[in-house]
Amino acid sequence: MARYLYSFKMNSYIILTERLGLRRWLNSDIDSFIRMNKDNVVMKYFPKTFTDEETFEMIRKINSHFEINHFGLFAVEIKSAREFIGFTGFAISTF
């Protein structure tokens, strides 16, 4: 599966706080997100941990949701470190 997302500018924040920035996903988020999705502590309240392919599919669905609905799950970044730390937002459930 291709490891390509959309090419947004690094600091194209949608929402800013003093410490955090919410933005669309970047290619540089993928490896961190894969590690998070394999971590049992991080995924404690999810049904299971995710494989690489399941993580890629989740990102594809997040981006597709944005394209269709013009809102969705934003990547969260620590502004000072430019470090991806997770996601937050709203999405239409499909279950």
PDB file of N, CA and C in Angstrom:
ATOM      1  N   MET A   1       0.849  -1.180   0.000  1.00  0.00           N
ATOM      2  CA  MET A   1       0.000   0.000   0.000  1.00  0.00           C
ATOM      3  C   MET A   1       0.893   1.241   0.000  1.00  0.00           C
ATOM      4  N   ALA A   2       0.486   2.231  -0.734  1.00  0.00           N
ATOM      5  CA  ALA A   2       1.264   3.472  -0.819  1.00  0.00           C
ATOM      6  C   ALA A   2       1.256   4.203   0.517  1.00  0.00           C
ATOM      7  N   ARG A   3       2.395   4.791   0.838  1.00  0.00           N
ATOM      8  CA  ARG A   3       2.522   5.565   2.070  1.00  0.00           C
ATOM      9  C   ARG A   3       2.428   7.046   1.750  1.00  0.00           C
ATOM     10  N   TYR A   4       1.442   7.446   0.972  1.00  0.00           N
ATOM     11  CA  TYR A   4       1.315   8.839   0.584  1.00  0.00           C
ATOM     12  C   TYR A   4       0.021   9.409   1.128  1.00  0.00           C
ATOM     13  N   LEU A   5       0.132  10.556   1.749  1.00  0.00           N
ATOM     14  CA  LEU A   5      -1.047  11.292   2.175  1.00  0.00           C
ATOM     15  C   LEU A   5      -1.118  12.548   1.329  1.00  0.00           C
ATOM     16  N   TYR A   6      -1.766  13.532   1.815  1.00  0.00           N
ATOM     17  CA  TYR A   6      -1.857  14.797   1.113  1.00  0.00           C
ATOM     18  C   TYR A   6      -0.694  15.679   1.525  1.00  0.00           C
ATOM     19  N   SER A   7      -0.248  16.530   0.652  1.00  0.00           N
ATOM     20  CA  SER A   7       0.926  17.358   0.935  1.00  0.00           C
ATOM     21  C   SER A   7       0.503  18.742   1.421  1.00  0.00           C
ATOM     22  N   PHE A   8       0.160  18.833   2.674  1.00  0.00           N
ATOM     23  CA  PHE A   8      -0.189  20.104   3.291  1.00  0.00           C
ATOM     24  C   PHE A   8       1.072  20.731   3.862  1.00  0.00           C
ATOM     25  N   LYS A   9       1.060  22.039   3.999  1.00  0.00           N
ATOM     26  CA  LYS A   9       2.197  22.714   4.605  1.00  0.00           C
ATOM     27  C   LYS A   9       2.316  22.289   6.059  1.00  0.00           C
ATOM     28  N   MET A  10       3.550  22.176   6.542  1.00  0.00           N
ATOM     29  CA  MET A  10       3.822  21.675   7.889  1.00  0.00           C
ATOM     30  C   MET A  10       3.059  22.441   8.962  1.00  0.00           C
ATOM     31  N   ASN A  11       2.996  23.736   8.879  1.00  0.00           N
ATOM     32  CA  ASN A  11       2.345  24.521   9.933  1.00  0.00           C
ATOM     33  C   ASN A  11       0.974  25.042   9.522  1.00  0.00           C
ATOM     34  N   SER A  12       0.255  24.277   8.727  1.00  0.00           N
ATOM     35  CA  SER A  12      -1.094  24.658   8.324  1.00  0.00           C
ATOM     36  C   SER A  12      -2.082  24.210   9.393  1.00  0.00           C
ATOM     37  N   TYR A  13      -2.014  24.855  10.545  1.00  0.00           N
ATOM     38  CA  TYR A  13      -2.876  24.471  11.651  1.00  0.00           C
ATOM     39  C   TYR A  13      -4.300  24.943  11.408  1.00  0.00           C
ATOM     40  N   ILE A  14      -5.240  24.097  11.765  1.00  0.00           N
ATOM     41  CA  ILE A  14      -6.658  24.422  11.684  1.00  0.00           C
ATOM     42  C   ILE A  14      -7.089  25.097  12.982  1.00  0.00           C
ATOM     43  N   ILE A  15      -6.590  24.560  14.094  1.00  0.00           N
ATOM     44  CA  ILE A  15      -6.890  25.073  15.436  1.00  0.00           C
ATOM     45  C   ILE A  15      -5.576  25.146  16.199  1.00  0.00           C
ATOM     46  N   LEU A  16      -5.393  26.213  16.941  1.00  0.00           N
ATOM     47  CA  LEU A  16      -4.183  26.391  17.749  1.00  0.00           C
ATOM     48  C   LEU A  16      -4.539  26.609  19.203  1.00  0.00           C
ATOM     49  N   THR A  17      -3.746  26.021  20.070  1.00  0.00           N
ATOM     50  CA  THR A  17      -3.768  26.367  21.483  1.00  0.00           C
ATOM     51  C   THR A  17      -2.366  26.877  21.802  1.00  0.00           C
ATOM     52  N   GLU A  18      -2.135  27.215  23.041  1.00  0.00           N
ATOM     53  CA  GLU A  18      -0.806  27.684  23.414  1.00  0.00           C
ATOM     54  C   GLU A  18       0.266  26.633  23.113  1.00  0.00           C
ATOM     55  N   ARG A  19      -0.072  25.368  23.304  1.00  0.00           N
ATOM     56  CA  ARG A  19       0.901  24.283  23.195  1.00  0.00           C
ATOM     57  C   ARG A  19       0.717  23.377  21.989  1.00  0.00           C
ATOM     58  N   LEU A  20      -0.519  23.234  21.520  1.00  0.00           N
ATOM     59  CA  LEU A  20      -0.831  22.247  20.490  1.00  0.00           C
ATOM     60  C   LEU A  20      -1.348  22.883  19.208  1.00  0.00           C
ATOM     61  N   GLY A  21      -1.174  22.163  18.123  1.00  0.00           N
ATOM     62  CA  GLY A  21      -1.760  22.543  16.850  1.00  0.00           C
ATOM     63  C   GLY A  21      -2.511  21.358  16.272  1.00  0.00           C
ATOM     64  N   LEU A  22      -3.716  21.608  15.761  1.00  0.00           N
ATOM     65  CA  LEU A  22      -4.501  20.588  15.075  1.00  0.00           C
ATOM     66  C   LEU A  22      -4.397  20.876  13.591  1.00  0.00           C
ATOM     67  N   ARG A  23      -4.128  19.833  12.817  1.00  0.00           N
ATOM     68  CA  ARG A  23      -3.899  19.994  11.387  1.00  0.00           C
ATOM     69  C   ARG A  23      -4.294  18.721  10.656  1.00  0.00           C
ATOM     70  N   ARG A  24      -4.303  18.805   9.326  1.00  0.00           N
ATOM     71  CA  ARG A  24      -4.500  17.608   8.519  1.00  0.00           C
ATOM     72  C   ARG A  24      -3.261  16.733   8.653  1.00  0.00           C
ATOM     73  N   TRP A  25      -3.377  15.485   8.292  1.00  0.00           N
ATOM     74  CA  TRP A  25      -2.317  14.499   8.437  1.00  0.00           C
ATOM     75  C   TRP A  25      -1.222  14.709   7.397  1.00  0.00           C
ATOM     76  N   LEU A  26       0.010  14.382   7.780  1.00  0.00           N
ATOM     77  CA  LEU A  26       1.180  14.462   6.908  1.00  0.00           C
ATOM     78  C   LEU A  26       1.821  13.089   6.777  1.00  0.00           C
ATOM     79  N   ASN A  27       2.577  12.892   5.722  1.00  0.00           N
ATOM     80  CA  ASN A  27       3.315  11.635   5.563  1.00  0.00           C
ATOM     81  C   ASN A  27       4.198  11.348   6.764  1.00  0.00           C
ATOM     82  N   SER A  28       4.752  12.387   7.361  1.00  0.00           N
ATOM     83  CA  SER A  28       5.652  12.206   8.506  1.00  0.00           C
ATOM     84  C   SER A  28       4.939  11.680   9.746  1.00  0.00           C
ATOM     85  N   ASP A  29       3.615  11.662   9.760  1.00  0.00           N
ATOM     86  CA  ASP A  29       2.842  11.134  10.893  1.00  0.00           C
ATOM     87  C   ASP A  29       2.731   9.613  10.867  1.00  0.00           C
ATOM     88  N   ILE A  30       2.935   9.014   9.718  1.00  0.00           N
ATOM     89  CA  ILE A  30       2.612   7.598   9.528  1.00  0.00           C
ATOM     90  C   ILE A  30       3.385   6.683  10.472  1.00  0.00           C
ATOM     91  N   ASP A  31       4.690   6.820  10.532  1.00  0.00           N
ATOM     92  CA  ASP A  31       5.477   5.898  11.370  1.00  0.00           C
ATOM     93  C   ASP A  31       5.113   6.014  12.849  1.00  0.00           C
ATOM     94  N   SER A  32       4.913   7.235  13.332  1.00  0.00           N
ATOM     95  CA  SER A  32       4.507   7.421  14.738  1.00  0.00           C
ATOM     96  C   SER A  32       3.142   6.801  14.988  1.00  0.00           C
ATOM     97  N   PHE A  33       2.230   6.966  14.038  1.00  0.00           N
ATOM     98  CA  PHE A  33       0.883   6.430  14.200  1.00  0.00           C
ATOM     99  C   PHE A  33       0.907   4.904  14.177  1.00  0.00           C
ATOM    100  N   ILE A  34       1.750   4.324  13.341  1.00  0.00           N
ATOM    101  CA  ILE A  34       1.903   2.861  13.317  1.00  0.00           C
ATOM    102  C   ILE A  34       2.373   2.369  14.688  1.00  0.00           C
ATOM    103  N   ARG A  35       3.382   3.033  15.254  1.00  0.00           N
ATOM    104  CA  ARG A  35       3.887   2.632  16.575  1.00  0.00           C
ATOM    105  C   ARG A  35       2.798   2.770  17.643  1.00  0.00           C
ATOM    106  N   MET A  36       2.048   3.864  17.611  1.00  0.00           N
ATOM    107  CA  MET A  36       0.963   4.053  18.588  1.00  0.00           C
ATOM    108  C   MET A  36      -0.064   2.936  18.483  1.00  0.00           C
ATOM    109  N   ASN A  37      -0.435   2.592  17.259  1.00  0.00           N
ATOM    110  CA  ASN A  37      -1.484   1.593  17.051  1.00  0.00           C
ATOM    111  C   ASN A  37      -1.051   0.175  17.398  1.00  0.00           C
ATOM    112  N   LYS A  38       0.237  -0.057  17.596  1.00  0.00           N
ATOM    113  CA  LYS A  38       0.749  -1.359  18.014  1.00  0.00           C
ATOM    114  C   LYS A  38       0.999  -1.432  19.519  1.00  0.00           C
ATOM    115  N   ASP A  39       0.859  -0.320  20.208  1.00  0.00           N
ATOM    116  CA  ASP A  39       1.165  -0.229  21.642  1.00  0.00           C
ATOM    117  C   ASP A  39      -0.064  -0.627  22.458  1.00  0.00           C
ATOM    118  N   ASN A  40       0.070  -1.666  23.271  1.00  0.00           N
ATOM    119  CA  ASN A  40      -1.061  -2.159  24.069  1.00  0.00           C
ATOM    120  C   ASN A  40      -1.592  -1.123  25.056  1.00  0.00           C
ATOM    121  N   VAL A  41      -0.722  -0.303  25.606  1.00  0.00           N
ATOM    122  CA  VAL A  41      -1.170   0.725  26.564  1.00  0.00           C
ATOM    123  C   VAL A  41      -1.972   1.805  25.841  1.00  0.00           C
ATOM    124  N   VAL A  42      -1.458   2.266  24.722  1.00  0.00           N
ATOM    125  CA  VAL A  42      -2.156   3.291  23.934  1.00  0.00           C
ATOM    126  C   VAL A  42      -3.521   2.772  23.473  1.00  0.00           C
ATOM    127  N   MET A  43      -3.568   1.526  23.063  1.00  0.00           N
ATOM    128  CA  MET A  43      -4.780   0.955  22.473  1.00  0.00           C
ATOM    129  C   MET A  43      -5.681   0.254  23.499  1.00  0.00           C
ATOM    130  N   LYS A  44      -5.462   0.518  24.769  1.00  0.00           N
ATOM    131  CA  LYS A  44      -6.193  -0.152  25.842  1.00  0.00           C
ATOM    132  C   LYS A  44      -7.715  -0.106  25.645  1.00  0.00           C
ATOM    133  N   TYR A  45      -8.262   1.010  25.197  1.00  0.00           N
ATOM    134  CA  TYR A  45      -9.717   1.149  25.076  1.00  0.00           C
ATOM    135  C   TYR A  45     -10.216   0.949  23.650  1.00  0.00           C
ATOM    136  N   PHE A  46      -9.352   0.462  22.788  1.00  0.00           N
ATOM    137  CA  PHE A  46      -9.746   0.073  21.440  1.00  0.00           C
ATOM    138  C   PHE A  46      -9.957  -1.435  21.448  1.00  0.00           C
ATOM    139  N   PRO A  47     -10.685  -1.959  20.468  1.00  0.00           N
ATOM    140  CA  PRO A  47     -10.919  -3.417  20.457  1.00  0.00           C
ATOM    141  C   PRO A  47      -9.645  -4.246  20.354  1.00  0.00           C
ATOM    142  N   LYS A  48      -8.617  -3.700  19.681  1.00  0.00           N
ATOM    143  CA  LYS A  48      -7.371  -4.435  19.507  1.00  0.00           C
ATOM    144  C   LYS A  48      -6.306  -3.473  19.007  1.00  0.00           C
ATOM    145  N   THR A  49      -5.056  -3.942  18.962  1.00  0.00           N
ATOM    146  CA  THR A  49      -4.006  -3.172  18.314  1.00  0.00           C
ATOM    147  C   THR A  49      -4.163  -3.345  16.799  1.00  0.00           C
ATOM    148  N   PHE A  50      -3.521  -2.456  16.032  1.00  0.00           N
ATOM    149  CA  PHE A  50      -3.656  -2.481  14.579  1.00  0.00           C
ATOM    150  C   PHE A  50      -2.355  -2.892  13.907  1.00  0.00           C
ATOM    151  N   THR A  51      -2.474  -3.596  12.812  1.00  0.00           N
ATOM    152  CA  THR A  51      -1.331  -3.899  11.954  1.00  0.00           C
ATOM    153  C   THR A  51      -0.992  -2.643  11.141  1.00  0.00           C
ATOM    154  N   ASP A  52       0.140  -2.695  10.447  1.00  0.00           N
ATOM    155  CA  ASP A  52       0.507  -1.587   9.560  1.00  0.00           C
ATOM    156  C   ASP A  52      -0.593  -1.329   8.532  1.00  0.00           C
ATOM    157  N   GLU A  53      -1.080  -2.390   7.921  1.00  0.00           N
ATOM    158  CA  GLU A  53      -2.113  -2.238   6.883  1.00  0.00           C
ATOM    159  C   GLU A  53      -3.406  -1.656   7.456  1.00  0.00           C
ATOM    160  N   GLU A  54      -3.783  -2.060   8.656  1.00  0.00           N
ATOM    161  CA  GLU A  54      -4.985  -1.504   9.288  1.00  0.00           C
ATOM    162  C   GLU A  54      -4.786  -0.024   9.597  1.00  0.00           C
ATOM    163  N   THR A  55      -3.590   0.355   9.980  1.00  0.00           N
ATOM    164  CA  THR A  55      -3.298   1.761  10.238  1.00  0.00           C
ATOM    165  C   THR A  55      -3.371   2.559   8.948  1.00  0.00           C
ATOM    166  N   PHE A  56      -2.778   2.055   7.859  1.00  0.00           N
ATOM    167  CA  PHE A  56      -2.870   2.744   6.571  1.00  0.00           C
ATOM    168  C   PHE A  56      -4.326   2.914   6.160  1.00  0.00           C
ATOM    169  N   GLU A  57      -5.125   1.874   6.355  1.00  0.00           N
ATOM    170  CA  GLU A  57      -6.543   1.940   5.994  1.00  0.00           C
ATOM    171  C   GLU A  57      -7.271   2.980   6.851  1.00  0.00           C
ATOM    172  N   MET A  58      -6.938   3.062   8.123  1.00  0.00           N
ATOM    173  CA  MET A  58      -7.559   4.058   8.998  1.00  0.00           C
ATOM    174  C   MET A  58      -7.230   5.473   8.511  1.00  0.00           C
ATOM    175  N   ILE A  59      -5.981   5.718   8.148  1.00  0.00           N
ATOM    176  CA  ILE A  59      -5.597   7.037   7.643  1.00  0.00           C
ATOM    177  C   ILE A  59      -6.317   7.328   6.327  1.00  0.00           C
ATOM    178  N   ARG A  60      -6.431   6.321   5.473  1.00  0.00           N
ATOM    179  CA  ARG A  60      -7.162   6.507   4.209  1.00  0.00           C
ATOM    180  C   ARG A  60      -8.609   6.898   4.481  1.00  0.00           C
ATOM    181  N   LYS A  61      -9.234   6.237   5.450  1.00  0.00           N
ATOM    182  CA  LYS A  61     -10.617   6.552   5.796  1.00  0.00           C
ATOM    183  C   LYS A  61     -10.739   7.953   6.407  1.00  0.00           C
ATOM    184  N   ILE A  62      -9.768   8.338   7.228  1.00  0.00           N
ATOM    185  CA  ILE A  62      -9.773   9.682   7.816  1.00  0.00           C
ATOM    186  C   ILE A  62      -9.714  10.732   6.708  1.00  0.00           C
ATOM    187  N   ASN A  63      -8.814  10.546   5.743  1.00  0.00           N
ATOM    188  CA  ASN A  63      -8.689  11.502   4.640  1.00  0.00           C
ATOM    189  C   ASN A  63      -9.922  11.501   3.747  1.00  0.00           C
ATOM    190  N   SER A  64     -10.488  10.338   3.490  1.00  0.00           N
ATOM    191  CA  SER A  64     -11.707  10.237   2.690  1.00  0.00           C
ATOM    192  C   SER A  64     -12.864  10.961   3.381  1.00  0.00           C
ATOM    193  N   HIS A  65     -12.968  10.795   4.697  1.00  0.00           N
ATOM    194  CA  HIS A  65     -14.021  11.459   5.467  1.00  0.00           C
ATOM    195  C   HIS A  65     -13.899  12.974   5.318  1.00  0.00           C
ATOM    196  N   PHE A  66     -12.668  13.501   5.390  1.00  0.00           N
ATOM    197  CA  PHE A  66     -12.449  14.938   5.193  1.00  0.00           C
ATOM    198  C   PHE A  66     -12.928  15.383   3.812  1.00  0.00           C
ATOM    199  N   GLU A  67     -12.586  14.618   2.793  1.00  0.00           N
ATOM    200  CA  GLU A  67     -12.931  14.997   1.418  1.00  0.00           C
ATOM    201  C   GLU A  67     -14.443  15.030   1.218  1.00  0.00           C
ATOM    202  N   ILE A  68     -15.131  14.095   1.821  1.00  0.00           N
ATOM    203  CA  ILE A  68     -16.584  14.001   1.652  1.00  0.00           C
ATOM    204  C   ILE A  68     -17.331  14.991   2.544  1.00  0.00           C
ATOM    205  N   ASN A  69     -16.921  15.115   3.812  1.00  0.00           N
ATOM    206  CA  ASN A  69     -17.699  15.856   4.807  1.00  0.00           C
ATOM    207  C   ASN A  69     -17.111  17.211   5.201  1.00  0.00           C
ATOM    208  N   HIS A  70     -15.883  17.479   4.820  1.00  0.00           N
ATOM    209  CA  HIS A  70     -15.200  18.750   5.133  1.00  0.00           C
ATOM    210  C   HIS A  70     -14.939  18.943   6.630  1.00  0.00           C
ATOM    211  N   PHE A  71     -14.914  17.852   7.375  1.00  0.00           N
ATOM    212  CA  PHE A  71     -14.487  17.838   8.774  1.00  0.00           C
ATOM    213  C   PHE A  71     -14.054  16.416   9.083  1.00  0.00           C
ATOM    214  N   GLY A  72     -13.434  16.232  10.247  1.00  0.00           N
ATOM    215  CA  GLY A  72     -13.016  14.880  10.589  1.00  0.00           C
ATOM    216  C   GLY A  72     -12.039  14.840  11.735  1.00  0.00           C
ATOM    217  N   LEU A  73     -11.141  13.871  11.690  1.00  0.00           N
ATOM    218  CA  LEU A  73     -10.149  13.649  12.743  1.00  0.00           C
ATOM    219  C   LEU A  73      -8.847  14.338  12.355  1.00  0.00           C
ATOM    220  N   PHE A  74      -8.448  15.310  13.165  1.00  0.00           N
ATOM    221  CA  PHE A  74      -7.227  16.069  12.920  1.00  0.00           C
ATOM    222  C   PHE A  74      -6.038  15.424  13.615  1.00  0.00           C
ATOM    223  N   ALA A  75      -4.870  15.542  13.011  1.00  0.00           N
ATOM    224  CA  ALA A  75      -3.627  15.159  13.668  1.00  0.00           C
ATOM    225  C   ALA A  75      -3.326  16.231  14.714  1.00  0.00           C
ATOM    226  N   VAL A  76      -2.833  15.806  15.876  1.00  0.00           N
ATOM    227  CA  VAL A  76      -2.461  16.737  16.951  1.00  0.00           C
ATOM    228  C   VAL A  76      -0.943  16.763  17.039  1.00  0.00           C
ATOM    229  N   GLU A  77      -0.403  17.966  17.104  1.00  0.00           N
ATOM    230  CA  GLU A  77       1.038  18.150  17.116  1.00  0.00           C
ATOM    231  C   GLU A  77       1.434  19.073  18.263  1.00  0.00           C
ATOM    232  N   ILE A  78       2.530  18.730  18.949  1.00  0.00           N
ATOM    233  CA  ILE A  78       3.131  19.654  19.906  1.00  0.00           C
ATOM    234  C   ILE A  78       3.886  20.686  19.071  1.00  0.00           C
ATOM    235  N   LYS A  79       3.432  21.933  19.128  1.00  0.00           N
ATOM    236  CA  LYS A  79       3.986  22.955  18.246  1.00  0.00           C
ATOM    237  C   LYS A  79       5.481  23.143  18.425  1.00  0.00           C
ATOM    238  N   SER A  80       5.943  23.240  19.668  1.00  0.00           N
ATOM    239  CA  SER A  80       7.355  23.559  19.911  1.00  0.00           C
ATOM    240  C   SER A  80       8.294  22.480  19.391  1.00  0.00           C
ATOM    241  N   ALA A  81       7.854  21.232  19.402  1.00  0.00           N
ATOM    242  CA  ALA A  81       8.695  20.113  18.962  1.00  0.00           C
ATOM    243  C   ALA A  81       8.333  19.633  17.556  1.00  0.00           C
ATOM    244  N   ARG A  82       7.210  20.142  17.023  1.00  0.00           N
ATOM    245  CA  ARG A  82       6.685  19.652  15.742  1.00  0.00           C
ATOM    246  C   ARG A  82       6.545  18.139  15.780  1.00  0.00           C
ATOM    247  N   GLU A  83       5.972  17.658  16.879  1.00  0.00           N
ATOM    248  CA  GLU A  83       5.851  16.215  17.118  1.00  0.00           C
ATOM    249  C   GLU A  83       4.392  15.791  17.076  1.00  0.00           C
ATOM    250  N   PHE A  84       4.069  14.814  16.237  1.00  0.00           N
ATOM    251  CA  PHE A  84       2.745  14.220  16.165  1.00  0.00           C
ATOM    252  C   PHE A  84       2.498  13.413  17.435  1.00  0.00           C
ATOM    253  N   ILE A  85       1.360  13.649  18.108  1.00  0.00           N
ATOM    254  CA  ILE A  85       1.082  12.926  19.357  1.00  0.00           C
ATOM    255  C   ILE A  85      -0.265  12.207  19.359  1.00  0.00           C
ATOM    256  N   GLY A  86      -0.996  12.272  18.255  1.00  0.00           N
ATOM    257  CA  GLY A  86      -2.274  11.581  18.216  1.00  0.00           C
ATOM    258  C   GLY A  86      -3.279  12.311  17.355  1.00  0.00           C
ATOM    259  N   PHE A  87      -4.562  12.063  17.626  1.00  0.00           N
ATOM    260  CA  PHE A  87      -5.607  12.698  16.830  1.00  0.00           C
ATOM    261  C   PHE A  87      -6.812  13.036  17.689  1.00  0.00           C
ATOM    262  N   THR A  88      -7.613  13.951  17.183  1.00  0.00           N
ATOM    263  CA  THR A  88      -8.850  14.334  17.836  1.00  0.00           C
ATOM    264  C   THR A  88      -9.789  14.902  16.783  1.00  0.00           C
ATOM    265  N   GLY A  89     -11.042  14.947  17.085  1.00  0.00           N
ATOM    266  CA  GLY A  89     -11.986  15.553  16.148  1.00  0.00           C
ATOM    267  C   GLY A  89     -13.321  14.851  16.182  1.00  0.00           C
ATOM    268  N   PHE A  90     -14.065  15.054  15.114  1.00  0.00           N
ATOM    269  CA  PHE A  90     -15.401  14.503  14.980  1.00  0.00           C
ATOM    270  C   PHE A  90     -15.475  13.706  13.684  1.00  0.00           C
ATOM    271  N   ALA A  91     -16.197  12.612  13.730  1.00  0.00           N
ATOM    272  CA  ALA A  91     -16.375  11.797  12.528  1.00  0.00           C
ATOM    273  C   ALA A  91     -17.760  11.152  12.562  1.00  0.00           C
ATOM    274  N   ILE A  92     -18.298  10.909  11.415  1.00  0.00           N
ATOM    275  CA  ILE A  92     -19.573  10.216  11.307  1.00  0.00           C
ATOM    276  C   ILE A  92     -19.305   8.727  11.455  1.00  0.00           C
ATOM    277  N   SER A  93     -19.910   8.111  12.452  1.00  0.00           N
ATOM    278  CA  SER A  93     -19.700   6.671  12.711  1.00  0.00           C
ATOM    279  C   SER A  93     -20.308   5.836  11.598  1.00  0.00           C
ATOM    280  N   THR A  94     -19.651   4.738  11.305  1.00  0.00           N
ATOM    281  CA  THR A  94     -20.162   3.821  10.267  1.00  0.00           C
ATOM    282  C   THR A  94     -20.572   2.480  10.852  1.00  0.00           C
ATOM    283  N   PHE A  95     -20.699   2.413  12.184  1.00  0.00           N
ATOM    284  CA  PHE A  95     -21.113   1.147  12.787  1.00  0.00           C
ATOM    285  C   PHE A  95     -22.511   1.250  13.316  1.00  0.00           C
TER     286      PHE A  95
END
